[in-house]
Amino acid sequence: YFLNIALKANNYTLPNTRFALEFYIIQLGIEGTQFSSSRYIDDHYTPGIFNVWQIKSLNPIYSTSILWKPVVYQSVDRSVEKTTLMEIYDLKNNISLEKSIDQGIFNSFYVQPYVSAFNISLGRAKDGFFAKSNYTFIQFTAGLDI
């Protein structure tokens, strides 16, 4: 599966705007998740060598992962000239979520889910990246590790 996130704002003029996202990984078991990175050669949209980030569940039965390169694009054409990097913050394991209506279905199936969380910010501090075009795009790949 691909998770594409595109942010576009019209008439937005603040010069140091930067967006951040918080992700929750909710799963069965008590094994948790781990961060890792590896070097990767990519010549599709942004030629170069990148550290590709991966979050992988440690569950031996239902192993899943999310993979992404820490590149944020400034335009739909995804050229290397219109990119910046993202900040990736530490993974927190075994966190507690407040019970809310959006978790109702999940909590009805799984009494005690294991939750991990991490944050990313799109761009670097004071790079003015978003203000140049008011557009930001990133892509994640997620799936089962079979």
N, C-alpha and C. Protein backbone atom coordinates (compact mmCIF):
# COMPACT_ATOMS: atom_id res chain seq x y z
N TYR A 1 0.83 -1.18 0.00
CA TYR A 1 0.00 0.00 0.00
C TYR A 1 0.87 1.24 0.00
N PHE A 2 0.40 2.29 -0.64
CA PHE A 2 1.09 3.56 -0.62
C PHE A 2 0.26 4.56 0.16
N LEU A 3 0.90 5.33 0.98
CA LEU A 3 0.26 6.44 1.67
C LEU A 3 0.87 7.71 1.10
N ASN A 4 0.09 8.44 0.32
CA ASN A 4 0.54 9.70 -0.26
C ASN A 4 -0.07 10.84 0.53
N ILE A 5 0.75 11.77 0.93
CA ILE A 5 0.27 12.95 1.65
C ILE A 5 0.69 14.18 0.87
N ALA A 6 -0.28 14.95 0.42
CA ALA A 6 -0.02 16.20 -0.29
C ALA A 6 -0.71 17.32 0.46
N LEU A 7 0.02 18.37 0.75
CA LEU A 7 -0.53 19.54 1.43
C LEU A 7 -0.42 20.72 0.49
N LYS A 8 -1.51 21.39 0.27
CA LYS A 8 -1.52 22.57 -0.60
C LYS A 8 -2.35 23.65 0.07
N ALA A 9 -1.81 24.86 0.08
CA ALA A 9 -2.52 25.98 0.69
C ALA A 9 -2.52 27.14 -0.30
N ASN A 10 -3.66 27.76 -0.45
CA ASN A 10 -3.76 28.94 -1.30
C ASN A 10 -3.67 30.19 -0.44
N ASN A 11 -3.02 31.21 -0.96
CA ASN A 11 -2.90 32.51 -0.27
C ASN A 11 -2.31 32.37 1.12
N TYR A 12 -1.28 31.57 1.25
CA TYR A 12 -0.62 31.37 2.54
C TYR A 12 0.75 32.01 2.44
N THR A 13 1.04 33.00 3.27
CA THR A 13 2.25 33.80 3.07
C THR A 13 3.24 33.78 4.22
N LEU A 14 3.03 33.00 5.26
CA LEU A 14 3.99 32.98 6.36
C LEU A 14 5.28 32.32 5.90
N PRO A 15 6.43 32.98 6.02
CA PRO A 15 7.67 32.50 5.40
C PRO A 15 8.29 31.27 6.05
N ASN A 16 8.04 31.01 7.31
CA ASN A 16 8.70 29.89 7.99
C ASN A 16 7.75 28.75 8.33
N THR A 17 6.70 28.60 7.56
CA THR A 17 5.72 27.55 7.81
C THR A 17 6.33 26.18 7.56
N ARG A 18 5.99 25.26 8.44
CA ARG A 18 6.45 23.88 8.31
C ARG A 18 5.41 23.00 8.98
N PHE A 19 5.08 21.88 8.37
CA PHE A 19 4.07 20.99 8.92
C PHE A 19 4.74 19.79 9.58
N ALA A 20 4.07 19.26 10.60
CA ALA A 20 4.53 18.05 11.26
C ALA A 20 3.36 17.08 11.35
N LEU A 21 3.67 15.80 11.33
CA LEU A 21 2.66 14.75 11.42
C LEU A 21 3.04 13.79 12.53
N GLU A 22 2.04 13.31 13.24
CA GLU A 22 2.25 12.29 14.26
C GLU A 22 1.57 11.01 13.79
N PHE A 23 2.31 9.91 13.81
CA PHE A 23 1.79 8.62 13.37
C PHE A 23 1.69 7.68 14.55
N TYR A 24 0.59 6.93 14.60
CA TYR A 24 0.41 5.89 15.61
C TYR A 24 0.40 4.54 14.91
N ILE A 25 1.11 3.59 15.48
CA ILE A 25 1.11 2.22 14.99
C ILE A 25 0.43 1.39 16.07
N ILE A 26 -0.73 0.85 15.75
CA ILE A 26 -1.53 0.10 16.72
C ILE A 26 -1.54 -1.35 16.27
N GLN A 27 -1.13 -2.25 17.16
CA GLN A 27 -1.00 -3.65 16.77
C GLN A 27 -1.28 -4.57 17.95
N LEU A 28 -1.42 -5.83 17.63
CA LEU A 28 -1.57 -6.86 18.65
C LEU A 28 -0.20 -7.22 19.23
N GLY A 29 -0.21 -7.83 20.39
CA GLY A 29 1.02 -8.36 20.96
C GLY A 29 1.75 -7.35 21.82
N ILE A 30 2.88 -7.79 22.34
CA ILE A 30 3.67 -6.95 23.23
C ILE A 30 5.08 -6.74 22.69
N GLU A 31 5.32 -7.14 21.46
CA GLU A 31 6.67 -7.12 20.93
C GLU A 31 7.16 -5.73 20.57
N GLY A 32 6.25 -4.85 20.18
CA GLY A 32 6.64 -3.48 19.85
C GLY A 32 7.10 -3.30 18.42
N THR A 33 7.77 -2.19 18.19
CA THR A 33 8.26 -1.83 16.87
C THR A 33 9.68 -1.30 17.00
N GLN A 34 10.37 -1.25 15.87
CA GLN A 34 11.72 -0.69 15.89
C GLN A 34 11.95 0.15 14.64
N PHE A 35 12.78 1.18 14.79
CA PHE A 35 13.24 2.03 13.70
C PHE A 35 14.52 1.45 13.15
N SER A 36 14.72 1.56 11.86
CA SER A 36 16.02 1.25 11.27
C SER A 36 16.17 2.10 10.01
N SER A 37 17.40 2.26 9.58
CA SER A 37 17.63 2.96 8.32
C SER A 37 18.72 2.22 7.56
N SER A 38 18.68 2.33 6.25
CA SER A 38 19.69 1.71 5.41
C SER A 38 19.92 2.60 4.20
N ARG A 39 21.07 2.45 3.59
CA ARG A 39 21.40 3.26 2.41
C ARG A 39 20.74 2.63 1.19
N TYR A 40 20.28 3.50 0.29
CA TYR A 40 19.47 3.05 -0.84
C TYR A 40 19.78 3.95 -2.03
N ILE A 41 20.00 3.36 -3.18
CA ILE A 41 20.21 4.14 -4.40
C ILE A 41 18.88 4.27 -5.11
N ASP A 42 18.50 5.50 -5.43
CA ASP A 42 17.22 5.75 -6.09
C ASP A 42 17.48 6.61 -7.32
N ASP A 43 16.95 6.22 -8.45
CA ASP A 43 17.11 7.03 -9.66
C ASP A 43 15.78 7.34 -10.31
N HIS A 44 14.69 7.19 -9.56
CA HIS A 44 13.37 7.42 -10.15
C HIS A 44 13.03 8.91 -10.19
N TYR A 45 12.69 9.51 -9.06
CA TYR A 45 12.33 10.93 -9.03
C TYR A 45 13.50 11.80 -8.61
N THR A 46 14.25 11.34 -7.63
CA THR A 46 15.34 12.15 -7.08
C THR A 46 16.60 11.31 -7.06
N PRO A 47 17.38 11.32 -8.13
CA PRO A 47 18.57 10.48 -8.19
C PRO A 47 19.53 10.79 -7.04
N GLY A 48 20.02 9.74 -6.43
CA GLY A 48 20.98 9.91 -5.35
C GLY A 48 20.96 8.73 -4.41
N ILE A 49 21.78 8.83 -3.37
CA ILE A 49 21.84 7.81 -2.34
C ILE A 49 21.18 8.38 -1.09
N PHE A 50 20.22 7.65 -0.56
CA PHE A 50 19.44 8.10 0.59
C PHE A 50 19.54 7.10 1.72
N ASN A 51 19.32 7.59 2.92
CA ASN A 51 19.04 6.70 4.05
C ASN A 51 17.54 6.48 4.04
N VAL A 52 17.12 5.27 3.75
CA VAL A 52 15.71 4.92 3.74
C VAL A 52 15.34 4.48 5.15
N TRP A 53 14.24 5.01 5.66
CA TRP A 53 13.79 4.70 7.01
C TRP A 53 12.73 3.61 6.97
N GLN A 54 12.75 2.77 7.99
CA GLN A 54 11.76 1.70 8.09
C GLN A 54 11.34 1.55 9.55
N ILE A 55 10.05 1.40 9.75
CA ILE A 55 9.51 1.01 11.05
C ILE A 55 8.93 -0.37 10.85
N LYS A 56 9.37 -1.30 11.68
CA LYS A 56 8.95 -2.69 11.52
C LYS A 56 8.40 -3.21 12.84
N SER A 57 7.26 -3.91 12.74
CA SER A 57 6.72 -4.55 13.94
C SER A 57 7.58 -5.76 14.27
N LEU A 58 7.70 -6.06 15.54
CA LEU A 58 8.50 -7.19 15.98
C LEU A 58 7.65 -8.44 16.23
N ASN A 59 6.39 -8.38 15.85
CA ASN A 59 5.49 -9.51 16.02
C ASN A 59 5.87 -10.61 15.03
N PRO A 60 6.22 -11.81 15.50
CA PRO A 60 6.67 -12.85 14.58
C PRO A 60 5.56 -13.41 13.68
N ILE A 61 4.32 -13.25 14.07
CA ILE A 61 3.21 -13.81 13.27
C ILE A 61 2.70 -12.80 12.26
N TYR A 62 2.49 -11.55 12.68
CA TYR A 62 1.94 -10.51 11.80
C TYR A 62 2.97 -9.40 11.62
N SER A 63 4.07 -9.70 11.00
CA SER A 63 5.13 -8.71 10.81
C SER A 63 4.72 -7.71 9.72
N THR A 64 4.76 -6.45 10.05
CA THR A 64 4.41 -5.39 9.10
C THR A 64 5.49 -4.32 9.13
N SER A 65 5.51 -3.49 8.10
CA SER A 65 6.49 -2.41 8.09
C SER A 65 6.00 -1.23 7.28
N ILE A 66 6.59 -0.09 7.56
CA ILE A 66 6.39 1.14 6.80
C ILE A 66 7.77 1.59 6.36
N LEU A 67 7.90 1.95 5.10
CA LEU A 67 9.20 2.32 4.52
C LEU A 67 9.07 3.66 3.82
N TRP A 68 10.07 4.53 3.97
CA TRP A 68 10.05 5.80 3.25
C TRP A 68 11.44 6.38 3.16
N LYS A 69 11.65 7.20 2.15
CA LYS A 69 12.89 7.97 2.10
C LYS A 69 12.55 9.37 2.59
N PRO A 70 13.43 9.99 3.33
CA PRO A 70 13.11 11.24 4.01
C PRO A 70 13.19 12.46 3.11
N VAL A 71 12.55 12.37 1.95
CA VAL A 71 12.56 13.46 0.99
C VAL A 71 11.16 14.04 0.90
N VAL A 72 11.08 15.35 0.90
CA VAL A 72 9.80 16.06 0.77
C VAL A 72 9.87 16.84 -0.54
N TYR A 73 8.85 16.67 -1.38
CA TYR A 73 8.83 17.32 -2.69
C TYR A 73 8.02 18.61 -2.65
N GLN A 74 8.44 19.57 -3.45
CA GLN A 74 7.78 20.87 -3.49
C GLN A 74 6.85 21.00 -4.68
N SER A 75 6.84 20.02 -5.56
CA SER A 75 5.97 20.11 -6.73
C SER A 75 5.49 18.72 -7.13
N VAL A 76 4.48 18.68 -7.95
CA VAL A 76 3.91 17.41 -8.41
C VAL A 76 4.93 16.63 -9.23
N ASP A 77 5.82 17.30 -9.96
CA ASP A 77 6.76 16.59 -10.83
C ASP A 77 7.90 15.91 -10.07
N ARG A 78 8.08 16.16 -8.80
CA ARG A 78 9.04 15.47 -7.93
C ARG A 78 10.46 15.51 -8.46
N SER A 79 10.95 16.65 -8.83
CA SER A 79 12.33 16.77 -9.31
C SER A 79 13.28 17.00 -8.13
N VAL A 80 14.54 16.61 -8.32
CA VAL A 80 15.54 16.73 -7.27
C VAL A 80 15.79 18.19 -6.89
N GLU A 81 15.57 19.11 -7.83
CA GLU A 81 15.78 20.53 -7.56
C GLU A 81 14.75 21.10 -6.60
N LYS A 82 13.63 20.44 -6.46
CA LYS A 82 12.54 20.96 -5.63
C LYS A 82 12.27 20.03 -4.45
N THR A 83 13.32 19.72 -3.70
CA THR A 83 13.18 18.84 -2.54
C THR A 83 13.83 19.44 -1.31
N THR A 84 13.43 18.94 -0.19
CA THR A 84 14.10 19.20 1.08
C THR A 84 13.99 17.91 1.89
N LEU A 85 14.66 17.87 3.01
CA LEU A 85 14.61 16.68 3.86
C LEU A 85 13.61 16.87 4.98
N MET A 86 13.23 15.79 5.60
CA MET A 86 12.33 15.87 6.75
C MET A 86 13.11 15.57 8.02
N GLU A 87 12.59 16.03 9.12
CA GLU A 87 13.13 15.67 10.43
C GLU A 87 12.34 14.47 10.92
N ILE A 88 13.03 13.47 11.43
CA ILE A 88 12.40 12.27 11.95
C ILE A 88 12.74 12.19 13.44
N TYR A 89 11.72 12.10 14.25
CA TYR A 89 11.91 12.11 15.69
C TYR A 89 11.80 10.69 16.25
N ASP A 90 12.29 10.50 17.45
CA ASP A 90 12.38 9.17 18.06
C ASP A 90 11.05 8.44 18.13
N LEU A 91 11.14 7.14 17.98
CA LEU A 91 10.00 6.24 18.12
C LEU A 91 9.74 6.02 19.60
N LYS A 92 8.49 6.14 19.98
CA LYS A 92 8.09 5.88 21.37
C LYS A 92 7.24 4.61 21.37
N ASN A 93 7.65 3.64 22.17
CA ASN A 93 6.93 2.37 22.26
C ASN A 93 6.08 2.31 23.51
N ASN A 94 5.04 1.49 23.43
CA ASN A 94 4.16 1.19 24.55
C ASN A 94 3.54 2.45 25.16
N ILE A 95 2.96 3.27 24.32
CA ILE A 95 2.30 4.48 24.82
C ILE A 95 0.82 4.20 25.03
N SER A 96 0.19 5.03 25.82
CA SER A 96 -1.24 4.88 26.09
C SER A 96 -2.01 5.92 25.30
N LEU A 97 -3.10 5.49 24.71
CA LEU A 97 -3.99 6.41 24.00
C LEU A 97 -5.24 6.61 24.83
N GLU A 98 -5.78 7.81 24.78
CA GLU A 98 -7.06 8.05 25.44
C GLU A 98 -8.15 7.32 24.66
N LYS A 99 -9.09 6.77 25.38
CA LYS A 99 -10.22 6.12 24.73
C LYS A 99 -11.06 7.18 24.04
N SER A 100 -11.33 6.97 22.78
CA SER A 100 -12.14 7.93 22.03
C SER A 100 -12.99 7.17 21.02
N ILE A 101 -13.92 7.86 20.44
CA ILE A 101 -14.86 7.21 19.53
C ILE A 101 -14.17 6.64 18.29
N ASP A 102 -13.10 7.28 17.83
CA ASP A 102 -12.44 6.79 16.62
C ASP A 102 -11.66 5.50 16.87
N GLN A 103 -11.47 5.11 18.11
CA GLN A 103 -10.81 3.86 18.43
C GLN A 103 -11.80 2.76 18.79
N GLY A 104 -13.08 3.06 18.77
CA GLY A 104 -14.09 2.12 19.23
C GLY A 104 -14.06 0.78 18.54
N ILE A 105 -13.98 0.76 17.24
CA ILE A 105 -13.97 -0.50 16.50
C ILE A 105 -12.71 -1.29 16.82
N PHE A 106 -11.58 -0.62 16.81
CA PHE A 106 -10.32 -1.31 17.09
C PHE A 106 -10.32 -1.89 18.50
N ASN A 107 -10.76 -1.11 19.47
CA ASN A 107 -10.78 -1.58 20.86
C ASN A 107 -11.79 -2.70 21.08
N SER A 108 -12.82 -2.79 20.26
CA SER A 108 -13.78 -3.89 20.42
C SER A 108 -13.17 -5.23 19.99
N PHE A 109 -12.20 -5.20 19.08
CA PHE A 109 -11.54 -6.43 18.64
C PHE A 109 -10.34 -6.79 19.51
N TYR A 110 -9.61 -5.78 19.96
CA TYR A 110 -8.35 -6.00 20.68
C TYR A 110 -8.42 -5.32 22.04
N VAL A 111 -8.43 -6.13 23.08
CA VAL A 111 -8.58 -5.59 24.43
C VAL A 111 -7.37 -4.74 24.82
N GLN A 112 -6.17 -5.22 24.53
CA GLN A 112 -4.96 -4.53 24.94
C GLN A 112 -4.02 -4.35 23.75
N PRO A 113 -4.26 -3.37 22.88
CA PRO A 113 -3.35 -3.18 21.75
C PRO A 113 -2.03 -2.56 22.21
N TYR A 114 -1.00 -2.81 21.43
CA TYR A 114 0.32 -2.22 21.68
C TYR A 114 0.45 -1.03 20.75
N VAL A 115 0.79 0.13 21.29
CA VAL A 115 0.81 1.36 20.49
C VAL A 115 2.21 1.95 20.51
N SER A 116 2.70 2.28 19.32
CA SER A 116 3.95 3.02 19.15
C SER A 116 3.62 4.30 18.41
N ALA A 117 4.46 5.32 18.57
CA ALA A 117 4.21 6.60 17.91
C ALA A 117 5.53 7.24 17.50
N PHE A 118 5.46 8.03 16.43
CA PHE A 118 6.62 8.83 16.03
C PHE A 118 6.12 10.06 15.30
N ASN A 119 6.98 11.07 15.22
CA ASN A 119 6.67 12.33 14.56
C ASN A 119 7.67 12.59 13.44
N ILE A 120 7.19 13.26 12.41
CA ILE A 120 8.08 13.78 11.38
C ILE A 120 7.68 15.22 11.13
N SER A 121 8.63 16.05 10.76
CA SER A 121 8.29 17.39 10.29
C SER A 121 8.78 17.51 8.86
N LEU A 122 7.98 18.13 8.03
CA LEU A 122 8.25 18.23 6.60
C LEU A 122 9.10 19.46 6.35
N GLY A 123 10.34 19.25 5.98
CA GLY A 123 11.27 20.34 5.81
C GLY A 123 12.12 20.51 7.06
N ARG A 124 13.04 21.45 6.97
CA ARG A 124 13.94 21.76 8.09
C ARG A 124 13.61 23.14 8.62
N ALA A 125 13.99 23.39 9.84
CA ALA A 125 13.70 24.68 10.48
C ALA A 125 14.23 25.83 9.62
N LYS A 126 13.37 26.80 9.38
CA LYS A 126 13.69 28.04 8.66
C LYS A 126 14.20 27.84 7.24
N ASP A 127 13.84 26.72 6.59
CA ASP A 127 14.27 26.54 5.20
C ASP A 127 13.35 27.25 4.21
N GLY A 128 12.19 27.72 4.66
CA GLY A 128 11.27 28.44 3.78
C GLY A 128 10.71 27.57 2.68
N PHE A 129 10.81 26.26 2.82
CA PHE A 129 10.46 25.32 1.76
C PHE A 129 9.00 25.40 1.37
N PHE A 130 8.09 25.31 2.34
CA PHE A 130 6.66 25.31 2.03
C PHE A 130 6.23 26.64 1.43
N ALA A 131 6.78 27.74 1.92
CA ALA A 131 6.37 29.07 1.46
C ALA A 131 6.70 29.31 -0.02
N LYS A 132 7.66 28.57 -0.58
CA LYS A 132 8.04 28.79 -1.98
C LYS A 132 6.93 28.42 -2.95
N SER A 133 6.17 27.38 -2.65
CA SER A 133 5.12 26.96 -3.58
C SER A 133 3.80 26.65 -2.89
N ASN A 134 3.77 26.68 -1.55
CA ASN A 134 2.59 26.30 -0.77
C ASN A 134 2.13 24.88 -1.11
N TYR A 135 3.09 24.02 -1.43
CA TYR A 135 2.78 22.63 -1.78
C TYR A 135 3.86 21.73 -1.18
N THR A 136 3.44 20.62 -0.60
CA THR A 136 4.37 19.63 -0.05
C THR A 136 3.81 18.25 -0.33
N PHE A 137 4.69 17.31 -0.71
CA PHE A 137 4.26 15.94 -1.00
C PHE A 137 5.26 14.95 -0.42
N ILE A 138 4.76 13.91 0.25
CA ILE A 138 5.60 12.80 0.70
C ILE A 138 4.87 11.50 0.42
N GLN A 139 5.61 10.39 0.38
CA GLN A 139 5.01 9.09 0.12
C GLN A 139 5.62 8.04 1.05
N PHE A 140 4.75 7.21 1.62
CA PHE A 140 5.15 6.08 2.45
C PHE A 140 4.68 4.80 1.76
N THR A 141 5.40 3.72 1.97
CA THR A 141 4.99 2.40 1.50
C THR A 141 4.78 1.53 2.73
N ALA A 142 3.63 0.88 2.82
CA ALA A 142 3.33 0.04 3.98
C ALA A 142 2.84 -1.32 3.50
N GLY A 143 3.12 -2.35 4.30
CA GLY A 143 2.63 -3.66 3.91
C GLY A 143 3.01 -4.74 4.90
N LEU A 144 2.60 -5.95 4.56
CA LEU A 144 2.95 -7.13 5.34
C LEU A 144 4.31 -7.63 4.90
N ASP A 145 5.12 -8.07 5.84
CA ASP A 145 6.43 -8.63 5.51
C ASP A 145 6.28 -10.13 5.32
N ILE A 146 6.07 -10.53 4.08
CA ILE A 146 5.83 -11.95 3.79
C ILE A 146 7.09 -12.56 3.21
